[in-house]
Amino acid sequence: MIKVYLYQDYVHNNSILHQRLQAFFGADAVTYCDADAIIDGALDQTVNLLVMPGGADLFYCEKLNGAGNQQINDYVHNGGAYLGICAGAYYACARLDWLPKAERAKINGPRELAFHAGSASGPIRDYICQQDYDHIWDGVARLSWQGEEIKSLYRAGPLFEAEQGEATIAHYADLKGTPPAIMQCTVGKGQAVLCSPHIECQSEDYRKILYRHRNPDFDYCNALIEELAPDDMRRDALWRDVLGSLL
């Protein structure tokens, strides 16, 4: 039986991702897993995949630095699989540079897992509302995958430093140089896929998490739903391809 762990930090709501994983692997295959469980050895070789979701990587660092990351590192090097989405992708790079050109909210420094030997920086200004960090960091990115372009939800994911021998699954088609948007790294006997955009999120999923309350950018966000909707089926195909590549 397939066993998938979705990391739970008790700060962020990842129920949409949980539902998408269940739709692919089956309802009984996907279980939440927290830092205590990882430190206590939950990542044995019966686990097929560890998913590190979006959120904020400093919460991951606080609970997992040291013993927890060593468990994750050992698990992947010994043949396990890791999927990092947005914050989970930042977390698996050798270095993070968050808002590198701003003084407020600036976060930078090395990260322990370093499945990707390069750095990850963000948010990508081209995709955020009005290209202004004072607005919401959601947007629509165009991805290039298997010869076609697919629109995907962007929520402040990383721009990866130049590839270090990794395979690129999808590129950012509308950024200069078409840098990797989703990359696959060989890690010992295992592998890690690092995904900057939220390819798991369909237009109706985004509608569910969108509120007008205390959201001055509601109209902008609501328009993203209509932009994403025509590519829902192709985006789902990409999502399934990524999950399939990790088994």
C-alpha atoms as a PDB file:
ATOM      1  CA  MET A   1       0.000   0.000   0.000  1.00  0.00           C
ATOM      2  CA  ILE A   2       1.204   3.507  -0.834  1.00  0.00           C
ATOM      3  CA  LYS A   3       2.063   5.647   2.197  1.00  0.00           C
ATOM      4  CA  VAL A   4       2.340   9.416   1.806  1.00  0.00           C
ATOM      5  CA  TYR A   5       3.116  11.846   4.618  1.00  0.00           C
ATOM      6  CA  LEU A   6       2.026  15.480   4.349  1.00  0.00           C
ATOM      7  CA  TYR A   7       3.961  17.683   6.752  1.00  0.00           C
ATOM      8  CA  GLN A   8       1.806  19.492   9.307  1.00  0.00           C
ATOM      9  CA  ASP A   9       3.135  22.572  11.126  1.00  0.00           C
ATOM     10  CA  TYR A  10      -0.201  23.503  12.794  1.00  0.00           C
ATOM     11  CA  VAL A  11       0.181  27.056  11.463  1.00  0.00           C
ATOM     12  CA  HIS A  12      -0.939  26.761   7.828  1.00  0.00           C
ATOM     13  CA  ASN A  13      -4.037  25.202   6.300  1.00  0.00           C
ATOM     14  CA  ASN A  14      -3.075  22.667   3.643  1.00  0.00           C
ATOM     15  CA  SER A  15      -6.437  20.935   3.259  1.00  0.00           C
ATOM     16  CA  ILE A  16      -6.616  21.613  -0.508  1.00  0.00           C
ATOM     17  CA  LEU A  17      -3.239  19.930  -1.003  1.00  0.00           C
ATOM     18  CA  HIS A  18      -4.366  17.056   1.226  1.00  0.00           C
ATOM     19  CA  GLN A  19      -7.459  16.565  -0.933  1.00  0.00           C
ATOM     20  CA  ARG A  20      -5.414  16.644  -4.142  1.00  0.00           C
ATOM     21  CA  LEU A  21      -2.993  14.051  -2.808  1.00  0.00           C
ATOM     22  CA  GLN A  22      -5.876  11.825  -1.736  1.00  0.00           C
ATOM     23  CA  ALA A  23      -7.452  12.114  -5.193  1.00  0.00           C
ATOM     24  CA  PHE A  24      -4.271  10.694  -6.723  1.00  0.00           C
ATOM     25  CA  PHE A  25      -3.078   8.184  -4.110  1.00  0.00           C
ATOM     26  CA  GLY A  26      -6.365   7.233  -2.413  1.00  0.00           C
ATOM     27  CA  ALA A  27      -8.016   8.463   0.762  1.00  0.00           C
ATOM     28  CA  ASP A  28      -6.255   5.984   3.044  1.00  0.00           C
ATOM     29  CA  ALA A  29      -2.787   6.597   1.626  1.00  0.00           C
ATOM     30  CA  VAL A  30      -2.236  10.176   2.812  1.00  0.00           C
ATOM     31  CA  THR A  31      -1.508  11.017   6.457  1.00  0.00           C
ATOM     32  CA  TYR A  32      -0.422  14.189   8.212  1.00  0.00           C
ATOM     33  CA  CYS A  33       2.981  14.008   9.882  1.00  0.00           C
ATOM     34  CA  ASP A  34       4.466  16.599  12.247  1.00  0.00           C
ATOM     35  CA  ALA A  35       7.971  17.424  13.437  1.00  0.00           C
ATOM     36  CA  ASP A  36       7.739  15.247  16.542  1.00  0.00           C
ATOM     37  CA  ALA A  37       6.809  12.202  14.483  1.00  0.00           C
ATOM     38  CA  ILE A  38       9.679  12.843  12.049  1.00  0.00           C
ATOM     39  CA  ILE A  39      12.204  13.248  14.859  1.00  0.00           C
ATOM     40  CA  ASP A  40      10.886  10.040  16.444  1.00  0.00           C
ATOM     41  CA  GLY A  41      11.621   8.084  13.258  1.00  0.00           C
ATOM     42  CA  ALA A  42       8.344   8.066  11.308  1.00  0.00           C
ATOM     43  CA  LEU A  43      10.210   8.326   7.987  1.00  0.00           C
ATOM     44  CA  ASP A  44      11.103   4.688   7.568  1.00  0.00           C
ATOM     45  CA  GLN A  45      11.361   2.879   4.255  1.00  0.00           C
ATOM     46  CA  THR A  46       7.648   2.031   4.225  1.00  0.00           C
ATOM     47  CA  VAL A  47       6.988   5.704   3.402  1.00  0.00           C
ATOM     48  CA  ASN A  48       6.775   6.356  -0.331  1.00  0.00           C
ATOM     49  CA  LEU A  49       6.680  10.149  -0.272  1.00  0.00           C
ATOM     50  CA  LEU A  50       7.122  13.098   2.100  1.00  0.00           C
ATOM     51  CA  VAL A  51       5.343  16.292   0.979  1.00  0.00           C
ATOM     52  CA  MET A  52       6.492  19.633   2.392  1.00  0.00           C
ATOM     53  CA  PRO A  53       3.724  22.120   1.589  1.00  0.00           C
ATOM     54  CA  GLY A  54       3.481  25.864   1.170  1.00  0.00           C
ATOM     55  CA  GLY A  55       3.568  28.125   4.177  1.00  0.00           C
ATOM     56  CA  ALA A  56       6.606  29.794   5.699  1.00  0.00           C
ATOM     57  CA  ASP A  57       9.904  27.967   5.972  1.00  0.00           C
ATOM     58  CA  LEU A  58      10.997  29.598   9.240  1.00  0.00           C
ATOM     59  CA  PHE A  59       8.313  27.557  10.991  1.00  0.00           C
ATOM     60  CA  TYR A  60       9.858  24.446   9.425  1.00  0.00           C
ATOM     61  CA  CYS A  61      13.342  25.501  10.528  1.00  0.00           C
ATOM     62  CA  GLU A  62      12.268  26.078  14.126  1.00  0.00           C
ATOM     63  CA  LYS A  63      10.902  22.553  14.584  1.00  0.00           C
ATOM     64  CA  LEU A  64      13.074  20.511  12.197  1.00  0.00           C
ATOM     65  CA  ASN A  65      16.569  22.030  12.216  1.00  0.00           C
ATOM     66  CA  GLY A  66      19.038  19.495  13.509  1.00  0.00           C
ATOM     67  CA  ALA A  67      17.447  16.150  14.338  1.00  0.00           C
ATOM     68  CA  GLY A  68      14.359  16.488  12.134  1.00  0.00           C
ATOM     69  CA  ASN A  69      16.251  17.522   9.019  1.00  0.00           C
ATOM     70  CA  GLN A  70      18.739  14.743   9.595  1.00  0.00           C
ATOM     71  CA  GLN A  71      15.853  12.264   9.566  1.00  0.00           C
ATOM     72  CA  ILE A  72      14.496  13.763   6.325  1.00  0.00           C
ATOM     73  CA  ASN A  73      17.953  13.778   4.759  1.00  0.00           C
ATOM     74  CA  ASP A  74      18.610  10.153   5.712  1.00  0.00           C
ATOM     75  CA  TYR A  75      15.185   9.104   4.443  1.00  0.00           C
ATOM     76  CA  VAL A  76      15.681  10.636   0.996  1.00  0.00           C
ATOM     77  CA  HIS A  77      19.322   9.575   0.625  1.00  0.00           C
ATOM     78  CA  ASN A  78      18.289   5.993   1.406  1.00  0.00           C
ATOM     79  CA  GLY A  79      15.737   5.895  -1.390  1.00  0.00           C
ATOM     80  CA  GLY A  80      12.833   8.044  -0.242  1.00  0.00           C
ATOM     81  CA  ALA A  81      11.034  10.751  -2.187  1.00  0.00           C
ATOM     82  CA  TYR A  82      10.439  14.403  -1.271  1.00  0.00           C
ATOM     83  CA  LEU A  83       8.022  16.857  -2.860  1.00  0.00           C
ATOM     84  CA  GLY A  84       8.472  20.490  -1.828  1.00  0.00           C
ATOM     85  CA  ILE A  85       5.854  23.007  -2.936  1.00  0.00           C
ATOM     86  CA  CYS A  86       6.496  26.756  -2.583  1.00  0.00           C
ATOM     87  CA  ALA A  87       7.820  27.054   1.012  1.00  0.00           C
ATOM     88  CA  GLY A  88       8.712  23.357   0.864  1.00  0.00           C
ATOM     89  CA  ALA A  89      10.783  24.085  -2.251  1.00  0.00           C
ATOM     90  CA  TYR A  90      12.594  27.022  -0.641  1.00  0.00           C
ATOM     91  CA  TYR A  91      13.278  24.778   2.334  1.00  0.00           C
ATOM     92  CA  ALA A  92      15.072  22.145   0.250  1.00  0.00           C
ATOM     93  CA  CYS A  93      17.542  24.550  -1.387  1.00  0.00           C
ATOM     94  CA  ALA A  94      21.002  25.259  -0.035  1.00  0.00           C
ATOM     95  CA  ARG A  95      20.172  28.905   0.642  1.00  0.00           C
ATOM     96  CA  LEU A  96      17.086  31.112   0.896  1.00  0.00           C
ATOM     97  CA  ASP A  97      16.917  34.801  -0.011  1.00  0.00           C
ATOM     98  CA  TRP A  98      13.501  36.240   0.776  1.00  0.00           C
ATOM     99  CA  LEU A  99      12.847  39.832  -0.289  1.00  0.00           C
ATOM    100  CA  PRO A 100      16.594  40.184  -0.994  1.00  0.00           C
ATOM    101  CA  LYS A 101      16.345  43.839  -2.052  1.00  0.00           C
ATOM    102  CA  ALA A 102      14.181  44.979   0.867  1.00  0.00           C
ATOM    103  CA  GLU A 103      15.068  45.677   4.454  1.00  0.00           C
ATOM    104  CA  ARG A 104      11.694  44.869   5.977  1.00  0.00           C
ATOM    105  CA  ALA A 105      10.731  41.208   6.308  1.00  0.00           C
ATOM    106  CA  LYS A 106      14.076  40.197   4.829  1.00  0.00           C
ATOM    107  CA  ILE A 107      15.031  36.553   5.435  1.00  0.00           C
ATOM    108  CA  ASN A 108      18.195  34.948   4.179  1.00  0.00           C
ATOM    109  CA  GLY A 109      20.652  32.253   5.088  1.00  0.00           C
ATOM    110  CA  PRO A 110      21.645  28.633   4.522  1.00  0.00           C
ATOM    111  CA  ARG A 111      19.224  25.728   4.797  1.00  0.00           C
ATOM    112  CA  GLU A 112      20.150  22.272   6.024  1.00  0.00           C
ATOM    113  CA  LEU A 113      18.593  19.896   3.485  1.00  0.00           C
ATOM    114  CA  ALA A 114      20.240  21.423   0.388  1.00  0.00           C
ATOM    115  CA  PHE A 115      18.746  18.918  -2.052  1.00  0.00           C
ATOM    116  CA  HIS A 116      19.239  21.676  -4.625  1.00  0.00           C
ATOM    117  CA  ALA A 117      22.785  22.994  -4.293  1.00  0.00           C
ATOM    118  CA  GLY A 118      21.796  26.487  -5.429  1.00  0.00           C
ATOM    119  CA  SER A 119      19.807  29.232  -3.752  1.00  0.00           C
ATOM    120  CA  ALA A 120      16.112  30.104  -3.908  1.00  0.00           C
ATOM    121  CA  SER A 121      14.961  33.720  -3.995  1.00  0.00           C
ATOM    122  CA  GLY A 122      11.543  35.296  -3.977  1.00  0.00           C
ATOM    123  CA  PRO A 123       8.867  36.379  -4.284  1.00  0.00           C
ATOM    124  CA  ILE A 124       9.110  36.810  -8.057  1.00  0.00           C
ATOM    125  CA  ARG A 125       8.014  40.406  -8.614  1.00  0.00           C
ATOM    126  CA  ASP A 126       6.680  39.749 -12.140  1.00  0.00           C
ATOM    127  CA  TYR A 127       3.835  37.619 -10.766  1.00  0.00           C
ATOM    128  CA  ILE A 128       2.597  39.561  -7.740  1.00  0.00           C
ATOM    129  CA  CYS A 129      -0.207  42.106  -7.746  1.00  0.00           C
ATOM    130  CA  GLN A 130       0.925  45.329  -9.426  1.00  0.00           C
ATOM    131  CA  GLN A 131       4.507  44.015  -9.056  1.00  0.00           C
ATOM    132  CA  ASP A 132       4.365  45.652  -5.620  1.00  0.00           C
ATOM    133  CA  TYR A 133       5.355  43.828  -2.425  1.00  0.00           C
ATOM    134  CA  ASP A 134       2.758  45.864  -0.522  1.00  0.00           C
ATOM    135  CA  HIS A 135       0.000  43.994  -2.370  1.00  0.00           C
ATOM    136  CA  ILE A 136      -0.922  40.319  -2.325  1.00  0.00           C
ATOM    137  CA  TRP A 137       1.763  37.944  -3.607  1.00  0.00           C
ATOM    138  CA  ASP A 138      -0.613  35.812  -5.691  1.00  0.00           C
ATOM    139  CA  GLY A 139      -0.636  35.741  -9.462  1.00  0.00           C
ATOM    140  CA  VAL A 140      -0.751  33.583 -12.565  1.00  0.00           C
ATOM    141  CA  ALA A 141       2.415  32.176 -14.135  1.00  0.00           C
ATOM    142  CA  ARG A 142       2.777  30.567 -17.539  1.00  0.00           C
ATOM    143  CA  LEU A 143       4.596  27.245 -17.376  1.00  0.00           C
ATOM    144  CA  SER A 144       6.220  25.418 -20.261  1.00  0.00           C
ATOM    145  CA  TRP A 145       5.740  21.646 -19.966  1.00  0.00           C
ATOM    146  CA  GLN A 146       6.152  18.992 -22.655  1.00  0.00           C
ATOM    147  CA  GLY A 147       5.864  21.509 -25.457  1.00  0.00           C
ATOM    148  CA  GLU A 148       2.775  23.320 -24.220  1.00  0.00           C
ATOM    149  CA  GLU A 149       2.091  26.291 -21.975  1.00  0.00           C
ATOM    150  CA  ILE A 150      -0.082  26.010 -18.874  1.00  0.00           C
ATOM    151  CA  LYS A 151      -1.259  28.772 -16.563  1.00  0.00           C
ATOM    152  CA  SER A 152      -0.711  28.007 -12.883  1.00  0.00           C
ATOM    153  CA  LEU A 153      -1.345  29.743  -9.585  1.00  0.00           C
ATOM    154  CA  TYR A 154       1.702  31.503  -8.165  1.00  0.00           C
ATOM    155  CA  ARG A 155       1.829  32.318  -4.436  1.00  0.00           C
ATOM    156  CA  ALA A 156       5.304  33.722  -3.732  1.00  0.00           C
ATOM    157  CA  GLY A 157       7.276  30.626  -4.730  1.00  0.00           C
ATOM    158  CA  PRO A 158      11.024  30.665  -5.402  1.00  0.00           C
ATOM    159  CA  LEU A 159      13.156  31.521  -8.373  1.00  0.00           C
ATOM    160  CA  PHE A 160      15.814  28.813  -8.387  1.00  0.00           C
ATOM    161  CA  GLU A 161      19.463  29.587  -8.974  1.00  0.00           C
ATOM    162  CA  ALA A 162      21.009  28.112 -12.124  1.00  0.00           C
ATOM    163  CA  GLU A 163      20.461  24.381 -12.387  1.00  0.00           C
ATOM    164  CA  GLN A 164      23.120  22.240 -10.737  1.00  0.00           C
ATOM    165  CA  GLY A 165      22.668  19.167 -12.915  1.00  0.00           C
ATOM    166  CA  GLU A 166      19.021  18.667 -11.969  1.00  0.00           C
ATOM    167  CA  ALA A 167      16.316  17.745 -14.450  1.00  0.00           C
ATOM    168  CA  THR A 168      13.780  20.472 -15.194  1.00  0.00           C
ATOM    169  CA  ILE A 169      10.179  19.265 -15.365  1.00  0.00           C
ATOM    170  CA  ALA A 170       8.654  22.655 -16.227  1.00  0.00           C
ATOM    171  CA  HIS A 171       9.988  26.135 -16.940  1.00  0.00           C
ATOM    172  CA  TYR A 172       8.615  29.606 -16.280  1.00  0.00           C
ATOM    173  CA  ALA A 173       7.726  30.474 -19.874  1.00  0.00           C
ATOM    174  CA  ASP A 174       7.155  34.181 -19.269  1.00  0.00           C
ATOM    175  CA  LEU A 175      10.362  34.996 -17.388  1.00  0.00           C
ATOM    176  CA  LYS A 176      13.621  35.998 -19.044  1.00  0.00           C
ATOM    177  CA  GLY A 177      15.730  32.929 -19.736  1.00  0.00           C
ATOM    178  CA  THR A 178      12.789  30.569 -18.962  1.00  0.00           C
ATOM    179  CA  PRO A 179      14.207  29.442 -15.582  1.00  0.00           C
ATOM    180  CA  PRO A 180      13.067  26.225 -13.889  1.00  0.00           C
ATOM    181  CA  ALA A 181       9.669  26.311 -12.219  1.00  0.00           C
ATOM    182  CA  ILE A 182       9.727  22.626 -11.223  1.00  0.00           C
ATOM    183  CA  MET A 183      12.977  20.715 -10.877  1.00  0.00           C
ATOM    184  CA  GLN A 184      13.867  17.139 -10.000  1.00  0.00           C
ATOM    185  CA  CYS A 185      17.021  16.443  -7.993  1.00  0.00           C
ATOM    186  CA  THR A 186      18.758  13.117  -7.457  1.00  0.00           C
ATOM    187  CA  VAL A 187      19.588  12.767  -3.762  1.00  0.00           C
ATOM    188  CA  GLY A 188      21.646   9.669  -3.003  1.00  0.00           C
ATOM    189  CA  LYS A 189      19.342   6.744  -3.799  1.00  0.00           C
ATOM    190  CA  GLY A 190      16.262   8.965  -3.630  1.00  0.00           C
ATOM    191  CA  GLN A 191      14.862  12.002  -5.326  1.00  0.00           C
ATOM    192  CA  ALA A 192      13.340  15.374  -4.587  1.00  0.00           C
ATOM    193  CA  VAL A 193      11.000  17.445  -6.736  1.00  0.00           C
ATOM    194  CA  LEU A 194      10.941  21.154  -5.933  1.00  0.00           C
ATOM    195  CA  CYS A 195       7.912  23.021  -7.251  1.00  0.00           C
ATOM    196  CA  SER A 196       7.715  26.807  -7.138  1.00  0.00           C
ATOM    197  CA  PRO A 197       4.093  27.344  -8.346  1.00  0.00           C
ATOM    198  CA  HIS A 198       0.986  25.746  -6.829  1.00  0.00           C
ATOM    199  CA  ILE A 199       0.186  23.301  -9.607  1.00  0.00           C
ATOM    200  CA  GLU A 200      -2.033  21.311  -7.231  1.00  0.00           C
ATOM    201  CA  CYS A 201      -4.496  24.214  -7.011  1.00  0.00           C
ATOM    202  CA  GLN A 202      -7.387  24.342  -9.465  1.00  0.00           C
ATOM    203  CA  SER A 203      -9.500  27.431 -10.152  1.00  0.00           C
ATOM    204  CA  GLU A 204     -12.309  26.196  -7.898  1.00  0.00           C
ATOM    205  CA  ASP A 205      -9.799  25.455  -5.131  1.00  0.00           C
ATOM    206  CA  TYR A 206      -8.620  29.045  -5.262  1.00  0.00           C
ATOM    207  CA  ARG A 207     -12.213  30.230  -5.114  1.00  0.00           C
ATOM    208  CA  LYS A 208     -12.673  28.273  -1.865  1.00  0.00           C
ATOM    209  CA  ILE A 209      -9.754  30.002  -0.140  1.00  0.00           C
ATOM    210  CA  LEU A 210     -10.558  33.500  -1.404  1.00  0.00           C
ATOM    211  CA  TYR A 211     -12.314  35.963   0.892  1.00  0.00           C
ATOM    212  CA  ARG A 212     -13.293  39.596   0.504  1.00  0.00           C
ATOM    213  CA  HIS A 213     -12.921  40.261   4.251  1.00  0.00           C
ATOM    214  CA  ARG A 214      -9.760  42.288   4.974  1.00  0.00           C
ATOM    215  CA  ASN A 215      -8.580  41.700   1.402  1.00  0.00           C
ATOM    216  CA  PRO A 216      -8.118  44.968  -0.516  1.00  0.00           C
ATOM    217  CA  ASP A 217      -6.946  42.915  -3.532  1.00  0.00           C
ATOM    218  CA  PHE A 218     -10.118  40.796  -3.719  1.00  0.00           C
ATOM    219  CA  ASP A 219     -11.127  41.937  -7.217  1.00  0.00           C
ATOM    220  CA  TYR A 220      -7.626  41.213  -8.515  1.00  0.00           C
ATOM    221  CA  CYS A 221      -7.655  37.747  -6.925  1.00  0.00           C
ATOM    222  CA  ASN A 222     -11.143  36.984  -8.179  1.00  0.00           C
ATOM    223  CA  ALA A 223      -9.978  37.697 -11.721  1.00  0.00           C
ATOM    224  CA  LEU A 224      -7.229  35.092 -11.298  1.00  0.00           C
ATOM    225  CA  ILE A 225      -9.902  32.388 -11.044  1.00  0.00           C
ATOM    226  CA  GLU A 226     -11.160  33.127 -14.548  1.00  0.00           C
ATOM    227  CA  GLU A 227      -7.613  33.191 -15.872  1.00  0.00           C
ATOM    228  CA  LEU A 228      -6.777  29.811 -14.329  1.00  0.00           C
ATOM    229  CA  ALA A 229      -9.988  27.966 -15.223  1.00  0.00           C
ATOM    230  CA  PRO A 230      -9.312  27.154 -18.921  1.00  0.00           C
ATOM    231  CA  ASP A 231      -6.104  25.303 -18.003  1.00  0.00           C
ATOM    232  CA  ASP A 232      -7.479  23.234 -15.109  1.00  0.00           C
ATOM    233  CA  MET A 233      -7.346  19.913 -16.978  1.00  0.00           C
ATOM    234  CA  ARG A 234      -3.844  20.431 -18.356  1.00  0.00           C
ATOM    235  CA  ARG A 235      -2.592  21.620 -14.970  1.00  0.00           C
ATOM    236  CA  ASP A 236      -4.045  18.487 -13.385  1.00  0.00           C
ATOM    237  CA  ALA A 237      -2.151  16.407 -15.957  1.00  0.00           C
ATOM    238  CA  LEU A 238       1.074  18.144 -14.938  1.00  0.00           C
ATOM    239  CA  TRP A 239       0.284  17.575 -11.249  1.00  0.00           C
ATOM    240  CA  ARG A 240      -0.305  13.879 -11.864  1.00  0.00           C
ATOM    241  CA  ASP A 241       2.869  13.597 -13.905  1.00  0.00           C
ATOM    242  CA  VAL A 242       4.884  15.100 -11.055  1.00  0.00           C
ATOM    243  CA  LEU A 243       3.367  12.749  -8.478  1.00  0.00           C
ATOM    244  CA  GLY A 244       3.862   9.753 -10.742  1.00  0.00           C
ATOM    245  CA  SER A 245       7.535  10.616 -11.241  1.00  0.00           C
ATOM    246  CA  LEU A 246       8.128  10.299  -7.496  1.00  0.00           C
ATOM    247  CA  LEU A 247       6.959   6.688  -7.156  1.00  0.00           C
END
